[in-house]
Full PDB file with SEQRES, HELIX, SHEET, SSBOND, CRYST1, ORIGX, SCALE, CONECT and MASTER records, all heavy atoms in Angstrom:
SEQRES   1 A   33  VAL VAL ARG GLN ILE VAL ARG PRO VAL LYS GLN ALA SER          
SEQRES   2 A   33  VAL VAL ALA GLU ARG ILE ALA ASP GLY ASN LEU ASN GLU          
SEQRES   3 A   33  ARG LEU MET VAL HIS GLY GLU                                  
HELIX    1 AA1 VAL A    2  ALA A   20  1                                  19    
CRYST1    1.000    1.000    1.000  90.00  90.00  90.00 P 1           1          
ORIGX1      1.000000  0.000000  0.000000        0.00000                         
ORIGX2      0.000000  1.000000  0.000000        0.00000                         
ORIGX3      0.000000  0.000000  1.000000        0.00000                         
SCALE1      1.000000  0.000000  0.000000        0.00000                         
SCALE2      0.000000  1.000000  0.000000        0.00000                         
SCALE3      0.000000  0.000000  1.000000        0.00000                         
ATOM      1  N   VAL A   1       5.686  -2.919 -17.137  1.00  0.00           N  
ATOM      2  CA  VAL A   1       4.246  -2.758 -16.953  1.00  0.00           C  
ATOM      3  C   VAL A   1       3.779  -3.470 -15.684  1.00  0.00           C  
ATOM      4  O   VAL A   1       3.026  -2.921 -14.868  1.00  0.00           O  
ATOM      5  CB  VAL A   1       3.492  -3.286 -18.196  1.00  0.00           C  
ATOM      6  CG1 VAL A   1       1.998  -3.288 -17.943  1.00  0.00           C  
ATOM      7  CG2 VAL A   1       3.816  -2.432 -19.411  1.00  0.00           C  
ATOM      8  N   VAL A   2       4.225  -4.715 -15.518  1.00  0.00           N  
ATOM      9  CA  VAL A   2       3.804  -5.476 -14.341  1.00  0.00           C  
ATOM     10  C   VAL A   2       4.323  -4.829 -13.063  1.00  0.00           C  
ATOM     11  O   VAL A   2       3.624  -4.794 -12.044  1.00  0.00           O  
ATOM     12  CB  VAL A   2       4.290  -6.937 -14.455  1.00  0.00           C  
ATOM     13  CG1 VAL A   2       4.034  -7.694 -13.164  1.00  0.00           C  
ATOM     14  CG2 VAL A   2       3.585  -7.633 -15.605  1.00  0.00           C  
ATOM     15  N   ARG A   3       5.536  -4.308 -13.108  1.00  0.00           N  
ATOM     16  CA  ARG A   3       6.099  -3.655 -11.925  1.00  0.00           C  
ATOM     17  C   ARG A   3       5.272  -2.435 -11.545  1.00  0.00           C  
ATOM     18  O   ARG A   3       5.037  -2.173 -10.366  1.00  0.00           O  
ATOM     19  CB  ARG A   3       7.554  -3.273 -12.176  1.00  0.00           C  
ATOM     20  CG  ARG A   3       8.231  -2.628 -10.972  1.00  0.00           C  
ATOM     21  CD  ARG A   3       9.684  -2.342 -11.258  1.00  0.00           C  
ATOM     22  NE  ARG A   3      10.331  -1.675 -10.141  1.00  0.00           N  
ATOM     23  CZ  ARG A   3      10.795  -2.294  -9.069  1.00  0.00           C  
ATOM     24  NH1 ARG A   3      10.679  -3.599  -8.972  1.00  0.00           N  
ATOM     25  NH2 ARG A   3      11.370  -1.611  -8.090  1.00  0.00           N  
ATOM     26  N   GLN A   4       4.841  -1.674 -12.563  1.00  0.00           N  
ATOM     27  CA  GLN A   4       4.027  -0.501 -12.274  1.00  0.00           C  
ATOM     28  C   GLN A   4       2.695  -0.877 -11.637  1.00  0.00           C  
ATOM     29  O   GLN A   4       2.111  -0.102 -10.872  1.00  0.00           O  
ATOM     30  CB  GLN A   4       3.778   0.294 -13.556  1.00  0.00           C  
ATOM     31  CG  GLN A   4       5.019   0.984 -14.094  1.00  0.00           C  
ATOM     32  CD  GLN A   4       4.747   1.749 -15.378  1.00  0.00           C  
ATOM     33  OE1 GLN A   4       3.662   1.647 -15.947  1.00  0.00           O  
ATOM     34  NE2 GLN A   4       5.730   2.511 -15.833  1.00  0.00           N  
ATOM     35  N   ILE A   5       2.207  -2.088 -11.960  1.00  0.00           N  
ATOM     36  CA  ILE A   5       0.931  -2.530 -11.398  1.00  0.00           C  
ATOM     37  C   ILE A   5       1.135  -3.222 -10.058  1.00  0.00           C  
ATOM     38  O   ILE A   5       0.365  -3.024  -9.117  1.00  0.00           O  
ATOM     39  CB  ILE A   5       0.204  -3.463 -12.389  1.00  0.00           C  
ATOM     40  CG1 ILE A   5      -0.121  -2.697 -13.683  1.00  0.00           C  
ATOM     41  CG2 ILE A   5      -1.063  -4.038 -11.780  1.00  0.00           C  
ATOM     42  CD1 ILE A   5      -0.717  -3.575 -14.757  1.00  0.00           C  
ATOM     43  N   VAL A   6       2.180  -4.052  -9.972  1.00  0.00           N  
ATOM     44  CA  VAL A   6       2.384  -4.863  -8.775  1.00  0.00           C  
ATOM     45  C   VAL A   6       2.941  -4.037  -7.620  1.00  0.00           C  
ATOM     46  O   VAL A   6       2.622  -4.289  -6.455  1.00  0.00           O  
ATOM     47  CB  VAL A   6       3.310  -6.051  -9.092  1.00  0.00           C  
ATOM     48  CG1 VAL A   6       3.693  -6.807  -7.837  1.00  0.00           C  
ATOM     49  CG2 VAL A   6       2.629  -6.990 -10.075  1.00  0.00           C  
ATOM     50  N   ARG A   7       3.780  -3.055  -7.914  1.00  0.00           N  
ATOM     51  CA  ARG A   7       4.385  -2.281  -6.835  1.00  0.00           C  
ATOM     52  C   ARG A   7       3.348  -1.605  -5.942  1.00  0.00           C  
ATOM     53  O   ARG A   7       3.443  -1.703  -4.710  1.00  0.00           O  
ATOM     54  CB  ARG A   7       5.351  -1.249  -7.421  1.00  0.00           C  
ATOM     55  CG  ARG A   7       6.096  -0.450  -6.357  1.00  0.00           C  
ATOM     56  CD  ARG A   7       7.196   0.378  -6.977  1.00  0.00           C  
ATOM     57  NE  ARG A   7       6.671   1.253  -8.016  1.00  0.00           N  
ATOM     58  CZ  ARG A   7       7.431   2.047  -8.785  1.00  0.00           C  
ATOM     59  NH1 ARG A   7       8.741   2.032  -8.628  1.00  0.00           N  
ATOM     60  NH2 ARG A   7       6.880   2.810  -9.696  1.00  0.00           N  
ATOM     61  N   PRO A   8       2.308  -0.951  -6.509  1.00  0.00           N  
ATOM     62  CA  PRO A   8       1.274  -0.403  -5.611  1.00  0.00           C  
ATOM     63  C   PRO A   8       0.538  -1.492  -4.828  1.00  0.00           C  
ATOM     64  O   PRO A   8       0.145  -1.270  -3.676  1.00  0.00           O  
ATOM     65  CB  PRO A   8       0.335   0.328  -6.581  1.00  0.00           C  
ATOM     66  CG  PRO A   8       1.148   0.614  -7.788  1.00  0.00           C  
ATOM     67  CD  PRO A   8       2.077  -0.539  -7.907  1.00  0.00           C  
ATOM     68  N   VAL A   9       0.365  -2.653  -5.456  1.00  0.00           N  
ATOM     69  CA  VAL A   9      -0.310  -3.738  -4.738  1.00  0.00           C  
ATOM     70  C   VAL A   9       0.541  -4.194  -3.557  1.00  0.00           C  
ATOM     71  O   VAL A   9       0.028  -4.456  -2.458  1.00  0.00           O  
ATOM     72  CB  VAL A   9      -0.601  -4.905  -5.697  1.00  0.00           C  
ATOM     73  CG1 VAL A   9      -1.204  -6.086  -4.949  1.00  0.00           C  
ATOM     74  CG2 VAL A   9      -1.541  -4.460  -6.810  1.00  0.00           C  
ATOM     75  N   LYS A  10       1.868  -4.319  -3.768  1.00  0.00           N  
ATOM     76  CA  LYS A  10       2.749  -4.689  -2.659  1.00  0.00           C  
ATOM     77  C   LYS A  10       2.703  -3.648  -1.552  1.00  0.00           C  
ATOM     78  O   LYS A  10       2.649  -3.988  -0.360  1.00  0.00           O  
ATOM     79  CB  LYS A  10       4.187  -4.844  -3.167  1.00  0.00           C  
ATOM     80  CG  LYS A  10       4.421  -6.088  -4.012  1.00  0.00           C  
ATOM     81  CD  LYS A  10       5.893  -6.203  -4.390  1.00  0.00           C  
ATOM     82  CE  LYS A  10       6.162  -7.481  -5.174  1.00  0.00           C  
ATOM     83  NZ  LYS A  10       7.598  -7.599  -5.550  1.00  0.00           N  
ATOM     84  N   GLN A  11       2.748  -2.378  -1.943  1.00  0.00           N  
ATOM     85  CA  GLN A  11       2.663  -1.327  -0.937  1.00  0.00           C  
ATOM     86  C   GLN A  11       1.345  -1.401  -0.178  1.00  0.00           C  
ATOM     87  O   GLN A  11       1.306  -1.240   1.048  1.00  0.00           O  
ATOM     88  CB  GLN A  11       2.824   0.037  -1.601  1.00  0.00           C  
ATOM     89  CG  GLN A  11       4.204   0.268  -2.209  1.00  0.00           C  
ATOM     90  CD  GLN A  11       4.298   1.580  -2.962  1.00  0.00           C  
ATOM     91  OE1 GLN A  11       3.297   2.264  -3.168  1.00  0.00           O  
ATOM     92  NE2 GLN A  11       5.503   1.923  -3.407  1.00  0.00           N  
ATOM     93  N   ALA A  12       0.260  -1.686  -0.916  1.00  0.00           N  
ATOM     94  CA  ALA A  12      -1.046  -1.805  -0.259  1.00  0.00           C  
ATOM     95  C   ALA A  12      -1.076  -2.983   0.700  1.00  0.00           C  
ATOM     96  O   ALA A  12      -1.657  -2.907   1.788  1.00  0.00           O  
ATOM     97  CB  ALA A  12      -2.149  -1.940  -1.306  1.00  0.00           C  
ATOM     98  N   SER A  13      -0.434  -4.108   0.298  1.00  0.00           N  
ATOM     99  CA  SER A  13      -0.418  -5.271   1.184  1.00  0.00           C  
ATOM    100  C   SER A  13       0.383  -4.987   2.451  1.00  0.00           C  
ATOM    101  O   SER A  13      -0.005  -5.401   3.551  1.00  0.00           O  
ATOM    102  CB  SER A  13       0.169  -6.480   0.446  1.00  0.00           C  
ATOM    103  OG  SER A  13       1.528  -6.262   0.119  1.00  0.00           O  
ATOM    104  N   VAL A  14       1.508  -4.267   2.314  1.00  0.00           N  
ATOM    105  CA  VAL A  14       2.306  -3.923   3.494  1.00  0.00           C  
ATOM    106  C   VAL A  14       1.517  -3.020   4.431  1.00  0.00           C  
ATOM    107  O   VAL A  14       1.482  -3.224   5.659  1.00  0.00           O  
ATOM    108  CB  VAL A  14       3.628  -3.254   3.061  1.00  0.00           C  
ATOM    109  CG1 VAL A  14       4.378  -2.711   4.278  1.00  0.00           C  
ATOM    110  CG2 VAL A  14       4.509  -4.232   2.305  1.00  0.00           C  
ATOM    111  N   VAL A  15       0.855  -2.012   3.844  1.00  0.00           N  
ATOM    112  CA  VAL A  15       0.048  -1.110   4.661  1.00  0.00           C  
ATOM    113  C   VAL A  15      -1.109  -1.858   5.309  1.00  0.00           C  
ATOM    114  O   VAL A  15      -1.453  -1.630   6.471  1.00  0.00           O  
ATOM    115  CB  VAL A  15      -0.461   0.064   3.801  1.00  0.00           C  
ATOM    116  CG1 VAL A  15      -1.432   0.926   4.586  1.00  0.00           C  
ATOM    117  CG2 VAL A  15       0.712   0.912   3.316  1.00  0.00           C  
ATOM    118  N   ALA A  16      -1.725  -2.781   4.558  1.00  0.00           N  
ATOM    119  CA  ALA A  16      -2.830  -3.565   5.108  1.00  0.00           C  
ATOM    120  C   ALA A  16      -2.367  -4.416   6.283  1.00  0.00           C  
ATOM    121  O   ALA A  16      -3.085  -4.557   7.285  1.00  0.00           O  
ATOM    122  CB  ALA A  16      -3.445  -4.443   4.017  1.00  0.00           C  
ATOM    123  N   GLU A  17      -1.167  -5.001   6.184  1.00  0.00           N  
ATOM    124  CA  GLU A  17      -0.638  -5.786   7.300  1.00  0.00           C  
ATOM    125  C   GLU A  17      -0.395  -4.905   8.524  1.00  0.00           C  
ATOM    126  O   GLU A  17      -0.675  -5.312   9.660  1.00  0.00           O  
ATOM    127  CB  GLU A  17       0.665  -6.461   6.884  1.00  0.00           C  
ATOM    128  CG  GLU A  17       0.465  -7.594   5.871  1.00  0.00           C  
ATOM    129  CD  GLU A  17       1.779  -8.214   5.446  1.00  0.00           C  
ATOM    130  OE1 GLU A  17       2.829  -7.710   5.897  1.00  0.00           O  
ATOM    131  OE2 GLU A  17       1.755  -9.194   4.673  1.00  0.00           O  
ATOM    132  N   ARG A  18       0.111  -3.709   8.290  1.00  0.00           N  
ATOM    133  CA  ARG A  18       0.322  -2.797   9.422  1.00  0.00           C  
ATOM    134  C   ARG A  18      -1.001  -2.387  10.046  1.00  0.00           C  
ATOM    135  O   ARG A  18      -1.115  -2.291  11.274  1.00  0.00           O  
ATOM    136  CB  ARG A  18       1.088  -1.558   8.950  1.00  0.00           C  
ATOM    137  CG  ARG A  18       2.523  -1.858   8.512  1.00  0.00           C  
ATOM    138  CD  ARG A  18       3.191  -0.608   7.969  1.00  0.00           C  
ATOM    139  NE  ARG A  18       4.559  -0.888   7.534  1.00  0.00           N  
ATOM    140  CZ  ARG A  18       5.328  -0.010   6.892  1.00  0.00           C  
ATOM    141  NH1 ARG A  18       4.857   1.219   6.621  1.00  0.00           N  
ATOM    142  NH2 ARG A  18       6.561  -0.337   6.534  1.00  0.00           N  
ATOM    143  N   ILE A  19      -2.007  -2.161   9.205  1.00  0.00           N  
ATOM    144  CA  ILE A  19      -3.331  -1.822   9.736  1.00  0.00           C  
ATOM    145  C   ILE A  19      -3.891  -2.991  10.529  1.00  0.00           C  
ATOM    146  O   ILE A  19      -4.515  -2.815  11.582  1.00  0.00           O  
ATOM    147  CB  ILE A  19      -4.268  -1.417   8.587  1.00  0.00           C  
ATOM    148  CG1 ILE A  19      -3.807  -0.084   7.973  1.00  0.00           C  
ATOM    149  CG2 ILE A  19      -5.708  -1.294   9.066  1.00  0.00           C  
ATOM    150  CD1 ILE A  19      -4.590   0.314   6.745  1.00  0.00           C  
ATOM    151  N   ALA A  20      -3.676  -4.228   9.996  1.00  0.00           N  
ATOM    152  CA  ALA A  20      -4.158  -5.406  10.713  1.00  0.00           C  
ATOM    153  C   ALA A  20      -3.464  -5.561  12.066  1.00  0.00           C  
ATOM    154  O   ALA A  20      -4.053  -6.111  13.001  1.00  0.00           O  
ATOM    155  CB  ALA A  20      -3.937  -6.658   9.863  1.00  0.00           C  
ATOM    156  N   ASP A  21      -2.228  -5.067  12.185  1.00  0.00           N  
ATOM    157  CA  ASP A  21      -1.512  -5.118  13.458  1.00  0.00           C  
ATOM    158  C   ASP A  21      -1.967  -4.035  14.428  1.00  0.00           C  
ATOM    159  O   ASP A  21      -1.475  -3.992  15.565  1.00  0.00           O  
ATOM    160  CB  ASP A  21      -0.008  -4.988  13.223  1.00  0.00           C  
ATOM    161  CG  ASP A  21       0.565  -6.209  12.511  1.00  0.00           C  
ATOM    162  OD1 ASP A  21      -0.064  -7.274  12.615  1.00  0.00           O  
ATOM    163  OD2 ASP A  21       1.616  -6.075  11.854  1.00  0.00           O  
ATOM    164  N   GLY A  22      -2.875  -3.171  13.979  1.00  0.00           N  
ATOM    165  CA  GLY A  22      -3.402  -2.140  14.864  1.00  0.00           C  
ATOM    166  C   GLY A  22      -2.936  -0.739  14.547  1.00  0.00           C  
ATOM    167  O   GLY A  22      -3.368   0.222  15.209  1.00  0.00           O  
ATOM    168  N   ASN A  23      -2.072  -0.565  13.549  1.00  0.00           N  
ATOM    169  CA  ASN A  23      -1.600   0.770  13.174  1.00  0.00           C  
ATOM    170  C   ASN A  23      -2.590   1.396  12.193  1.00  0.00           C  
ATOM    171  O   ASN A  23      -2.393   1.393  10.978  1.00  0.00           O  
ATOM    172  CB  ASN A  23      -0.205   0.692  12.558  1.00  0.00           C  
ATOM    173  CG  ASN A  23       0.810   0.078  13.500  1.00  0.00           C  
ATOM    174  OD1 ASN A  23       0.793   0.354  14.689  1.00  0.00           O  
ATOM    175  ND2 ASN A  23       1.679  -0.760  12.971  1.00  0.00           N  
ATOM    176  N   LEU A  24      -3.669   1.930  12.734  1.00  0.00           N  
ATOM    177  CA  LEU A  24      -4.741   2.449  11.888  1.00  0.00           C  
ATOM    178  C   LEU A  24      -4.393   3.778  11.236  1.00  0.00           C  
ATOM    179  O   LEU A  24      -5.165   4.272  10.404  1.00  0.00           O  
ATOM    180  CB  LEU A  24      -6.024   2.608  12.715  1.00  0.00           C  
ATOM    181  CG  LEU A  24      -6.579   1.309  13.316  1.00  0.00           C  
ATOM    182  CD1 LEU A  24      -7.831   1.612  14.135  1.00  0.00           C  
ATOM    183  CD2 LEU A  24      -6.881   0.303  12.229  1.00  0.00           C  
ATOM    184  N   ASN A  25      -3.266   4.379  11.575  1.00  0.00           N  
ATOM    185  CA  ASN A  25      -2.883   5.658  10.970  1.00  0.00           C  
ATOM    186  C   ASN A  25      -2.087   5.477   9.681  1.00  0.00           C  
ATOM    187  O   ASN A  25      -1.714   6.475   9.049  1.00  0.00           O  
ATOM    188  CB  ASN A  25      -2.049   6.474  11.963  1.00  0.00           C  
ATOM    189  CG  ASN A  25      -2.865   6.907  13.178  1.00  0.00           C  
ATOM    190  OD1 ASN A  25      -4.042   7.238  13.040  1.00  0.00           O  
ATOM    191  ND2 ASN A  25      -2.248   6.889  14.350  1.00  0.00           N  
ATOM    192  N   GLU A  26      -1.811   4.237   9.287  1.00  0.00           N  
ATOM    193  CA  GLU A  26      -1.061   3.983   8.060  1.00  0.00           C  
ATOM    194  C   GLU A  26      -1.911   4.348   6.839  1.00  0.00           C  
ATOM    195  O   GLU A  26      -3.116   4.097   6.799  1.00  0.00           O  
ATOM    196  CB  GLU A  26      -0.655   2.513   7.976  1.00  0.00           C  
ATOM    197  CG  GLU A  26       0.387   2.105   8.998  1.00  0.00           C  
ATOM    198  CD  GLU A  26       1.757   2.669   8.681  1.00  0.00           C  
ATOM    199  OE1 GLU A  26       1.984   3.024   7.502  1.00  0.00           O  
ATOM    200  OE2 GLU A  26       2.586   2.768   9.596  1.00  0.00           O  
ATOM    201  N   ARG A  27      -1.254   4.939   5.823  1.00  0.00           N  
ATOM    202  CA  ARG A  27      -1.938   5.320   4.591  1.00  0.00           C  
ATOM    203  C   ARG A  27      -1.020   5.057   3.395  1.00  0.00           C  
ATOM    204  O   ARG A  27       0.207   4.993   3.530  1.00  0.00           O  
ATOM    205  CB  ARG A  27      -2.326   6.805   4.606  1.00  0.00           C  
ATOM    206  CG  ARG A  27      -3.350   7.197   5.666  1.00  0.00           C  
ATOM    207  CD  ARG A  27      -4.693   6.555   5.427  1.00  0.00           C  
ATOM    208  NE  ARG A  27      -5.682   7.017   6.374  1.00  0.00           N  
ATOM    209  CZ  ARG A  27      -5.917   6.460   7.556  1.00  0.00           C  
ATOM    210  NH1 ARG A  27      -5.192   5.400   7.916  1.00  0.00           N  
ATOM    211  NH2 ARG A  27      -6.840   6.934   8.361  1.00  0.00           N  
ATOM    212  N   LEU A  28      -1.621   4.890   2.229  1.00  0.00           N  
ATOM    213  CA  LEU A  28      -0.861   4.731   0.989  1.00  0.00           C  
ATOM    214  C   LEU A  28      -0.489   6.086   0.416  1.00  0.00           C  
ATOM    215  O   LEU A  28      -1.241   7.071   0.547  1.00  0.00           O  
ATOM    216  CB  LEU A  28      -1.697   3.961  -0.042  1.00  0.00           C  
ATOM    217  CG  LEU A  28      -1.889   2.462   0.188  1.00  0.00           C  
ATOM    218  CD1 LEU A  28      -2.839   1.905  -0.870  1.00  0.00           C  
ATOM    219  CD2 LEU A  28      -0.558   1.733   0.114  1.00  0.00           C  
ATOM    220  N   MET A  29       0.672   6.133  -0.255  1.00  0.00           N  
ATOM    221  CA  MET A  29       1.085   7.340  -0.947  1.00  0.00           C  
ATOM    222  C   MET A  29       0.329   7.452  -2.261  1.00  0.00           C  
ATOM    223  O   MET A  29       0.222   6.476  -3.001  1.00  0.00           O  
ATOM    224  CB  MET A  29       2.588   7.311  -1.204  1.00  0.00           C  
ATOM    225  CG  MET A  29       3.438   7.257   0.065  1.00  0.00           C  
ATOM    226  SD  MET A  29       3.229   8.736   1.085  1.00  0.00           S  
ATOM    227  CE  MET A  29       3.922   9.979  -0.007  1.00  0.00           C  
ATOM    228  N   VAL A  30      -0.180   8.628  -2.560  1.00  0.00           N  
ATOM    229  CA  VAL A  30      -0.968   8.855  -3.772  1.00  0.00           C  
ATOM    230  C   VAL A  30      -0.132   9.687  -4.734  1.00  0.00           C  
ATOM    231  O   VAL A  30       0.331  10.783  -4.383  1.00  0.00           O  
ATOM    232  CB  VAL A  30      -2.298   9.564  -3.456  1.00  0.00           C  
ATOM    233  CG1 VAL A  30      -3.094   9.797  -4.736  1.00  0.00           C  
ATOM    234  CG2 VAL A  30      -3.101   8.739  -2.467  1.00  0.00           C  
ATOM    235  N   HIS A  31       0.079   9.161  -5.960  1.00  0.00           N  
ATOM    236  CA  HIS A  31       0.838   9.867  -6.994  1.00  0.00           C  
ATOM    237  C   HIS A  31       0.005   9.892  -8.265  1.00  0.00           C  
ATOM    238  O   HIS A  31      -0.387   8.844  -8.783  1.00  0.00           O  
ATOM    239  CB  HIS A  31       2.177   9.175  -7.270  1.00  0.00           C  
ATOM    240  CG  HIS A  31       3.066   9.065  -6.058  1.00  0.00           C  
ATOM    241  ND1 HIS A  31       3.770  10.135  -5.548  1.00  0.00           N  
ATOM    242  CD2 HIS A  31       3.345   8.004  -5.258  1.00  0.00           C  
ATOM    243  CE1 HIS A  31       4.462   9.735  -4.492  1.00  0.00           C  
ATOM    244  NE2 HIS A  31       4.213   8.452  -4.289  1.00  0.00           N  
ATOM    245  N   GLY A  32      -0.236  11.085  -8.793  1.00  0.00           N  
ATOM    246  CA  GLY A  32      -0.936  11.212 -10.063  1.00  0.00           C  
ATOM    247  C   GLY A  32      -2.441  11.088  -9.929  1.00  0.00           C  
ATOM    248  O   GLY A  32      -3.022  11.167  -8.828  1.00  0.00           O  
ATOM    249  N   GLU A  33      -3.071  10.869 -11.090  1.00  0.00           N  
ATOM    250  CA  GLU A  33      -4.528  10.780 -11.131  1.00  0.00           C  
ATOM    251  C   GLU A  33      -4.997   9.565 -11.922  1.00  0.00           C  
ATOM    252  O   GLU A  33      -6.134   9.536 -12.399  1.00  0.00           O  
ATOM    253  CB  GLU A  33      -5.103  12.056 -11.772  1.00  0.00           C  
ATOM    254  CG  GLU A  33      -4.768  13.325 -11.003  1.00  0.00           C  
ATOM    255  CD  GLU A  33      -5.347  14.567 -11.664  1.00  0.00           C  
ATOM    256  OE1 GLU A  33      -5.946  14.400 -12.765  1.00  0.00           O  
ATOM    257  OE2 GLU A  33      -5.209  15.671 -11.107  1.00  0.00           O  
TER     258      GLU A  33                                                      
MASTER        0    0    0    1    0    0    0    6  257    1    0    3          
END                                                                             
């Protein structure tokens, strides 16, 4: 359960760091609804 919740947060943090470095084209993968 925690992995299912934390994994998207980790992905979001990685993408956020890339955006902070100036890579504004980075996006998160969307799965499901």
